[in-house]
Amino acid sequence: MFSWFWSVLGKLGLLSKKGKIVFLGLDNAGKTTLLNVLKDDRLTMHIPTLHPHSEDLVIEGIQFQTFDLGGHETARRIWKDYLATVNGIIFIIDAADPSRFPEAYEELAALLASEELAKTPICVLGNKIDKDTAVSEHELRRAIGLTENLTYGKKYQPSSTTRPLELFMCSVSKRMGYIEGFRWLAKFIP
């Protein structure tokens, strides 16, 4: 079934898009877990990412070169080295750990303040919504400063002058919500 699906996409010319995206966010947000689910459809436990690593993936018919850069404080210092040539950013936040929202807010605000990223689409994933301690989308938006009037909207609007930025709630472990974020991001990939 999947091979049929990919062949149809290829015939329609929808497999010709290519992009370079980075997975950013604090440690333990789910970046490496998401990358492995997308790559191998496996959910496994991981040690914290100590060194950046790259994977080539096809998601929603688009070829992505992805970089998981780690989220611990030391790893965050090298993020800027990977951002100059990216087509998009996946910024993952643990929606079940409100104690880390201020730190996530600071890192996201630094990305948003970067002039070199002014036109780079940023898909924020509020991960782990399947946990009892997870906050609602409204609460997460408020905590990280992404009120709906400041984000792009989940529907593609090519004439919009608003920065391409949107929040999607998801659960990587339950395999839900993140594909919508990738679909949204893919619309901005040339």
C-alpha atoms as a PDB file:
ATOM      1  CA  MET A   1       0.000   0.000   0.000  1.00  0.00           C
ATOM      2  CA  PHE A   2       2.772   2.448   0.923  1.00  0.00           C
ATOM      3  CA  SER A   3       4.740   1.745  -2.260  1.00  0.00           C
ATOM      4  CA  TRP A   4       1.593   2.451  -4.292  1.00  0.00           C
ATOM      5  CA  PHE A   5       1.114   5.706  -2.381  1.00  0.00           C
ATOM      6  CA  TRP A   6       4.723   6.827  -2.993  1.00  0.00           C
ATOM      7  CA  SER A   7       4.519   5.903  -6.688  1.00  0.00           C
ATOM      8  CA  VAL A   8       1.380   8.041  -7.077  1.00  0.00           C
ATOM      9  CA  LEU A   9       3.140  10.947  -5.348  1.00  0.00           C
ATOM     10  CA  GLY A  10       6.118  10.526  -7.663  1.00  0.00           C
ATOM     11  CA  LYS A  11       3.913  10.547 -10.778  1.00  0.00           C
ATOM     12  CA  LEU A  12       2.277  13.738  -9.553  1.00  0.00           C
ATOM     13  CA  GLY A  13       5.689  15.351  -9.117  1.00  0.00           C
ATOM     14  CA  LEU A  14       5.269  15.718  -5.389  1.00  0.00           C
ATOM     15  CA  LEU A  15       8.475  13.917  -4.458  1.00  0.00           C
ATOM     16  CA  SER A  16      10.698  16.545  -6.018  1.00  0.00           C
ATOM     17  CA  LYS A  17      10.810  18.857  -3.010  1.00  0.00           C
ATOM     18  CA  LYS A  18      13.905  18.758  -0.840  1.00  0.00           C
ATOM     19  CA  GLY A  19      14.594  20.571   2.382  1.00  0.00           C
ATOM     20  CA  LYS A  20      17.005  20.837   5.261  1.00  0.00           C
ATOM     21  CA  ILE A  21      15.404  21.012   8.692  1.00  0.00           C
ATOM     22  CA  VAL A  22      16.749  21.015  12.227  1.00  0.00           C
ATOM     23  CA  PHE A  23      15.137  19.506  15.306  1.00  0.00           C
ATOM     24  CA  LEU A  24      15.587  21.881  18.226  1.00  0.00           C
ATOM     25  CA  GLY A  25      14.266  22.049  21.767  1.00  0.00           C
ATOM     26  CA  LEU A  26      15.349  21.371  25.309  1.00  0.00           C
ATOM     27  CA  ASP A  27      16.709  18.015  26.375  1.00  0.00           C
ATOM     28  CA  ASN A  28      14.071  15.334  26.958  1.00  0.00           C
ATOM     29  CA  ALA A  29      11.495  17.045  24.720  1.00  0.00           C
ATOM     30  CA  GLY A  30      11.369  14.138  22.250  1.00  0.00           C
ATOM     31  CA  LYS A  31      13.572  15.229  19.334  1.00  0.00           C
ATOM     32  CA  THR A  32      15.542  11.993  18.962  1.00  0.00           C
ATOM     33  CA  THR A  33      12.458   9.890  19.633  1.00  0.00           C
ATOM     34  CA  LEU A  34      10.575  11.702  16.859  1.00  0.00           C
ATOM     35  CA  LEU A  35      13.481  11.326  14.462  1.00  0.00           C
ATOM     36  CA  ASN A  36      13.640   7.570  15.119  1.00  0.00           C
ATOM     37  CA  VAL A  37       9.882   7.134  14.771  1.00  0.00           C
ATOM     38  CA  LEU A  38      10.030   8.945  11.427  1.00  0.00           C
ATOM     39  CA  LYS A  39      13.064   6.964  10.280  1.00  0.00           C
ATOM     40  CA  ASP A  40      12.310   3.423  11.486  1.00  0.00           C
ATOM     41  CA  ASP A  41       8.787   3.632  12.911  1.00  0.00           C
ATOM     42  CA  ARG A  42      10.304   2.438  16.199  1.00  0.00           C
ATOM     43  CA  LEU A  43       9.731   3.841  19.639  1.00  0.00           C
ATOM     44  CA  THR A  44      12.839   3.317  21.753  1.00  0.00           C
ATOM     45  CA  MET A  45      14.443   4.818  24.836  1.00  0.00           C
ATOM     46  CA  HIS A  46      17.428   7.066  24.159  1.00  0.00           C
ATOM     47  CA  ILE A  47      20.277   8.486  26.116  1.00  0.00           C
ATOM     48  CA  PRO A  48      20.562  12.270  25.802  1.00  0.00           C
ATOM     49  CA  THR A  49      21.934  13.379  22.430  1.00  0.00           C
ATOM     50  CA  LEU A  50      25.563  14.295  23.005  1.00  0.00           C
ATOM     51  CA  HIS A  51      26.579  15.006  19.406  1.00  0.00           C
ATOM     52  CA  PRO A  52      24.584  16.290  16.420  1.00  0.00           C
ATOM     53  CA  HIS A  53      23.502  13.643  13.963  1.00  0.00           C
ATOM     54  CA  SER A  54      21.793  13.717  10.607  1.00  0.00           C
ATOM     55  CA  GLU A  55      19.233  11.529   8.862  1.00  0.00           C
ATOM     56  CA  ASP A  56      17.714  11.676   5.382  1.00  0.00           C
ATOM     57  CA  LEU A  57      13.955  11.118   5.495  1.00  0.00           C
ATOM     58  CA  VAL A  58      10.962  11.246   3.179  1.00  0.00           C
ATOM     59  CA  ILE A  59       7.999  12.782   4.994  1.00  0.00           C
ATOM     60  CA  GLU A  60       4.764  13.578   3.226  1.00  0.00           C
ATOM     61  CA  GLY A  61       6.528  13.107  -0.101  1.00  0.00           C
ATOM     62  CA  ILE A  62       9.304  15.589   0.595  1.00  0.00           C
ATOM     63  CA  GLN A  63      12.931  14.609   1.022  1.00  0.00           C
ATOM     64  CA  PHE A  64      14.311  16.113   4.213  1.00  0.00           C
ATOM     65  CA  GLN A  65      17.841  16.170   5.510  1.00  0.00           C
ATOM     66  CA  THR A  66      17.278  16.400   9.252  1.00  0.00           C
ATOM     67  CA  PHE A  67      19.652  17.349  12.030  1.00  0.00           C
ATOM     68  CA  ASP A  68      19.041  16.407  15.670  1.00  0.00           C
ATOM     69  CA  LEU A  69      21.262  18.833  17.548  1.00  0.00           C
ATOM     70  CA  GLY A  70      20.572  17.893  21.148  1.00  0.00           C
ATOM     71  CA  GLY A  71      18.927  20.069  23.756  1.00  0.00           C
ATOM     72  CA  HIS A  72      21.121  20.125  26.825  1.00  0.00           C
ATOM     73  CA  GLU A  73      22.655  23.485  27.652  1.00  0.00           C
ATOM     74  CA  THR A  74      26.053  22.741  26.095  1.00  0.00           C
ATOM     75  CA  ALA A  75      24.507  21.461  22.853  1.00  0.00           C
ATOM     76  CA  ARG A  76      22.399  24.602  22.482  1.00  0.00           C
ATOM     77  CA  ARG A  77      25.570  26.637  21.982  1.00  0.00           C
ATOM     78  CA  ILE A  78      26.141  25.028  18.559  1.00  0.00           C
ATOM     79  CA  TRP A  79      22.614  25.463  17.229  1.00  0.00           C
ATOM     80  CA  LYS A  80      23.566  28.677  15.444  1.00  0.00           C
ATOM     81  CA  ASP A  81      26.210  26.810  13.439  1.00  0.00           C
ATOM     82  CA  TYR A  82      23.468  24.786  11.699  1.00  0.00           C
ATOM     83  CA  LEU A  83      20.876  27.502  11.110  1.00  0.00           C
ATOM     84  CA  ALA A  84      22.340  29.501   8.215  1.00  0.00           C
ATOM     85  CA  THR A  85      21.141  27.170   5.460  1.00  0.00           C
ATOM     86  CA  VAL A  86      18.013  25.520   6.886  1.00  0.00           C
ATOM     87  CA  ASN A  87      14.635  25.519   5.150  1.00  0.00           C
ATOM     88  CA  GLY A  88      12.711  24.943   8.363  1.00  0.00           C
ATOM     89  CA  ILE A  89      12.887  24.364  12.090  1.00  0.00           C
ATOM     90  CA  ILE A  90      11.020  21.829  14.202  1.00  0.00           C
ATOM     91  CA  PHE A  91      11.087  23.164  17.775  1.00  0.00           C
ATOM     92  CA  ILE A  92       9.854  20.544  20.239  1.00  0.00           C
ATOM     93  CA  ILE A  93       8.589  21.345  23.726  1.00  0.00           C
ATOM     94  CA  ASP A  94       7.640  18.860  26.441  1.00  0.00           C
ATOM     95  CA  ALA A  95       4.035  19.953  27.054  1.00  0.00           C
ATOM     96  CA  ALA A  96       3.928  17.771  30.184  1.00  0.00           C
ATOM     97  CA  ASP A  97       6.748  19.627  31.972  1.00  0.00           C
ATOM     98  CA  PRO A  98       5.582  23.194  32.755  1.00  0.00           C
ATOM     99  CA  SER A  99       8.640  23.782  34.949  1.00  0.00           C
ATOM    100  CA  ARG A 100      10.749  23.981  31.750  1.00  0.00           C
ATOM    101  CA  PHE A 101       8.456  26.340  29.822  1.00  0.00           C
ATOM    102  CA  PRO A 102      10.411  29.502  30.792  1.00  0.00           C
ATOM    103  CA  GLU A 103      13.637  27.937  29.518  1.00  0.00           C
ATOM    104  CA  ALA A 104      11.944  26.784  26.292  1.00  0.00           C
ATOM    105  CA  TYR A 105      10.462  30.272  25.903  1.00  0.00           C
ATOM    106  CA  GLU A 106      13.951  31.830  26.131  1.00  0.00           C
ATOM    107  CA  GLU A 107      15.390  29.496  23.478  1.00  0.00           C
ATOM    108  CA  LEU A 108      12.452  29.990  21.119  1.00  0.00           C
ATOM    109  CA  ALA A 109      12.568  33.767  21.630  1.00  0.00           C
ATOM    110  CA  ALA A 110      16.264  33.756  20.697  1.00  0.00           C
ATOM    111  CA  LEU A 111      15.432  31.942  17.443  1.00  0.00           C
ATOM    112  CA  LEU A 112      12.636  34.381  16.683  1.00  0.00           C
ATOM    113  CA  ALA A 113      14.940  37.341  17.341  1.00  0.00           C
ATOM    114  CA  SER A 114      17.546  36.098  14.856  1.00  0.00           C
ATOM    115  CA  GLU A 115      17.480  38.204  11.693  1.00  0.00           C
ATOM    116  CA  GLU A 116      18.949  35.382   9.616  1.00  0.00           C
ATOM    117  CA  LEU A 117      15.892  33.254  10.488  1.00  0.00           C
ATOM    118  CA  ALA A 118      13.300  35.974   9.827  1.00  0.00           C
ATOM    119  CA  LYS A 119      11.758  34.085   6.901  1.00  0.00           C
ATOM    120  CA  THR A 120      12.509  30.542   8.089  1.00  0.00           C
ATOM    121  CA  PRO A 121       9.327  28.624   8.959  1.00  0.00           C
ATOM    122  CA  ILE A 122       9.226  27.313  12.522  1.00  0.00           C
ATOM    123  CA  CYS A 123       6.916  24.463  13.452  1.00  0.00           C
ATOM    124  CA  VAL A 124       6.561  24.195  17.228  1.00  0.00           C
ATOM    125  CA  LEU A 125       5.469  20.780  18.464  1.00  0.00           C
ATOM    126  CA  GLY A 126       3.961  20.570  21.942  1.00  0.00           C
ATOM    127  CA  ASN A 127       4.876  16.931  22.614  1.00  0.00           C
ATOM    128  CA  LYS A 128       3.710  14.414  25.232  1.00  0.00           C
ATOM    129  CA  ILE A 129       0.057  15.475  25.280  1.00  0.00           C
ATOM    130  CA  ASP A 130      -0.796  11.895  26.233  1.00  0.00           C
ATOM    131  CA  LYS A 131       0.619  12.456  29.738  1.00  0.00           C
ATOM    132  CA  ASP A 132      -1.592  13.527  32.656  1.00  0.00           C
ATOM    133  CA  THR A 133       0.543  16.589  33.381  1.00  0.00           C
ATOM    134  CA  ALA A 134       0.342  17.941  29.806  1.00  0.00           C
ATOM    135  CA  VAL A 135      -1.088  21.421  29.418  1.00  0.00           C
ATOM    136  CA  SER A 136      -3.641  22.489  26.834  1.00  0.00           C
ATOM    137  CA  GLU A 137      -2.668  24.202  23.580  1.00  0.00           C
ATOM    138  CA  HIS A 138      -3.943  27.501  24.961  1.00  0.00           C
ATOM    139  CA  GLU A 139      -1.824  27.179  28.123  1.00  0.00           C
ATOM    140  CA  LEU A 140       1.293  26.257  26.147  1.00  0.00           C
ATOM    141  CA  ARG A 141       0.766  29.139  23.719  1.00  0.00           C
ATOM    142  CA  ARG A 142       0.509  31.557  26.625  1.00  0.00           C
ATOM    143  CA  ALA A 143       3.562  30.108  28.412  1.00  0.00           C
ATOM    144  CA  ILE A 144       5.849  30.414  25.382  1.00  0.00           C
ATOM    145  CA  GLY A 145       4.441  33.673  24.017  1.00  0.00           C
ATOM    146  CA  LEU A 146       2.775  32.281  20.896  1.00  0.00           C
ATOM    147  CA  THR A 147      -0.678  33.766  21.109  1.00  0.00           C
ATOM    148  CA  GLU A 148      -2.714  32.923  18.028  1.00  0.00           C
ATOM    149  CA  ASN A 149      -2.553  36.440  16.610  1.00  0.00           C
ATOM    150  CA  LEU A 150       1.266  36.145  16.428  1.00  0.00           C
ATOM    151  CA  THR A 151       1.354  32.828  14.593  1.00  0.00           C
ATOM    152  CA  TYR A 152       0.738  32.017  10.971  1.00  0.00           C
ATOM    153  CA  GLY A 153      -2.266  29.757  11.230  1.00  0.00           C
ATOM    154  CA  LYS A 154      -2.605  26.085  10.484  1.00  0.00           C
ATOM    155  CA  LYS A 155      -4.011  26.728   7.031  1.00  0.00           C
ATOM    156  CA  TYR A 156      -1.487  27.722   4.372  1.00  0.00           C
ATOM    157  CA  GLN A 157      -1.867  31.381   3.360  1.00  0.00           C
ATOM    158  CA  PRO A 158       0.738  32.220   0.699  1.00  0.00           C
ATOM    159  CA  SER A 159      -0.049  35.928   0.720  1.00  0.00           C
ATOM    160  CA  SER A 160       0.293  36.290   4.472  1.00  0.00           C
ATOM    161  CA  THR A 161       2.919  38.707   5.738  1.00  0.00           C
ATOM    162  CA  THR A 162       3.019  37.000   9.125  1.00  0.00           C
ATOM    163  CA  ARG A 163       6.143  35.000   9.882  1.00  0.00           C
ATOM    164  CA  PRO A 164       5.663  31.265   9.178  1.00  0.00           C
ATOM    165  CA  LEU A 165       5.310  30.054  12.770  1.00  0.00           C
ATOM    166  CA  GLU A 166       2.738  27.685  14.191  1.00  0.00           C
ATOM    167  CA  LEU A 167       2.137  25.374  17.153  1.00  0.00           C
ATOM    168  CA  PHE A 168       0.893  21.802  16.826  1.00  0.00           C
ATOM    169  CA  MET A 169       0.113  19.615  19.827  1.00  0.00           C
ATOM    170  CA  CYS A 170       1.307  16.033  19.487  1.00  0.00           C
ATOM    171  CA  SER A 171       2.345  12.785  21.092  1.00  0.00           C
ATOM    172  CA  VAL A 172       5.283  11.092  19.451  1.00  0.00           C
ATOM    173  CA  SER A 173       4.779   7.951  21.541  1.00  0.00           C
ATOM    174  CA  LYS A 174       1.133   7.690  20.421  1.00  0.00           C
ATOM    175  CA  ARG A 175       2.101   8.720  16.864  1.00  0.00           C
ATOM    176  CA  MET A 176      -0.351  11.592  16.633  1.00  0.00           C
ATOM    177  CA  GLY A 177      -0.281  15.280  15.765  1.00  0.00           C
ATOM    178  CA  TYR A 178       3.226  15.735  14.420  1.00  0.00           C
ATOM    179  CA  ILE A 179       2.435  14.781  10.803  1.00  0.00           C
ATOM    180  CA  GLU A 180       0.108  17.795  10.610  1.00  0.00           C
ATOM    181  CA  GLY A 181       3.063  19.944  11.647  1.00  0.00           C
ATOM    182  CA  PHE A 182       5.260  18.446   8.925  1.00  0.00           C
ATOM    183  CA  ARG A 183       2.507  18.960   6.330  1.00  0.00           C
ATOM    184  CA  TRP A 184       2.292  22.607   7.349  1.00  0.00           C
ATOM    185  CA  LEU A 185       6.083  23.029   7.242  1.00  0.00           C
ATOM    186  CA  ALA A 186       6.345  21.275   3.861  1.00  0.00           C
ATOM    187  CA  LYS A 187       4.205  23.968   2.242  1.00  0.00           C
ATOM    188  CA  PHE A 188       7.043  26.450   2.807  1.00  0.00           C
ATOM    189  CA  ILE A 189       9.778  24.235   1.316  1.00  0.00           C
ATOM    190  CA  PRO A 190      10.670  25.320  -2.232  1.00  0.00           C
END
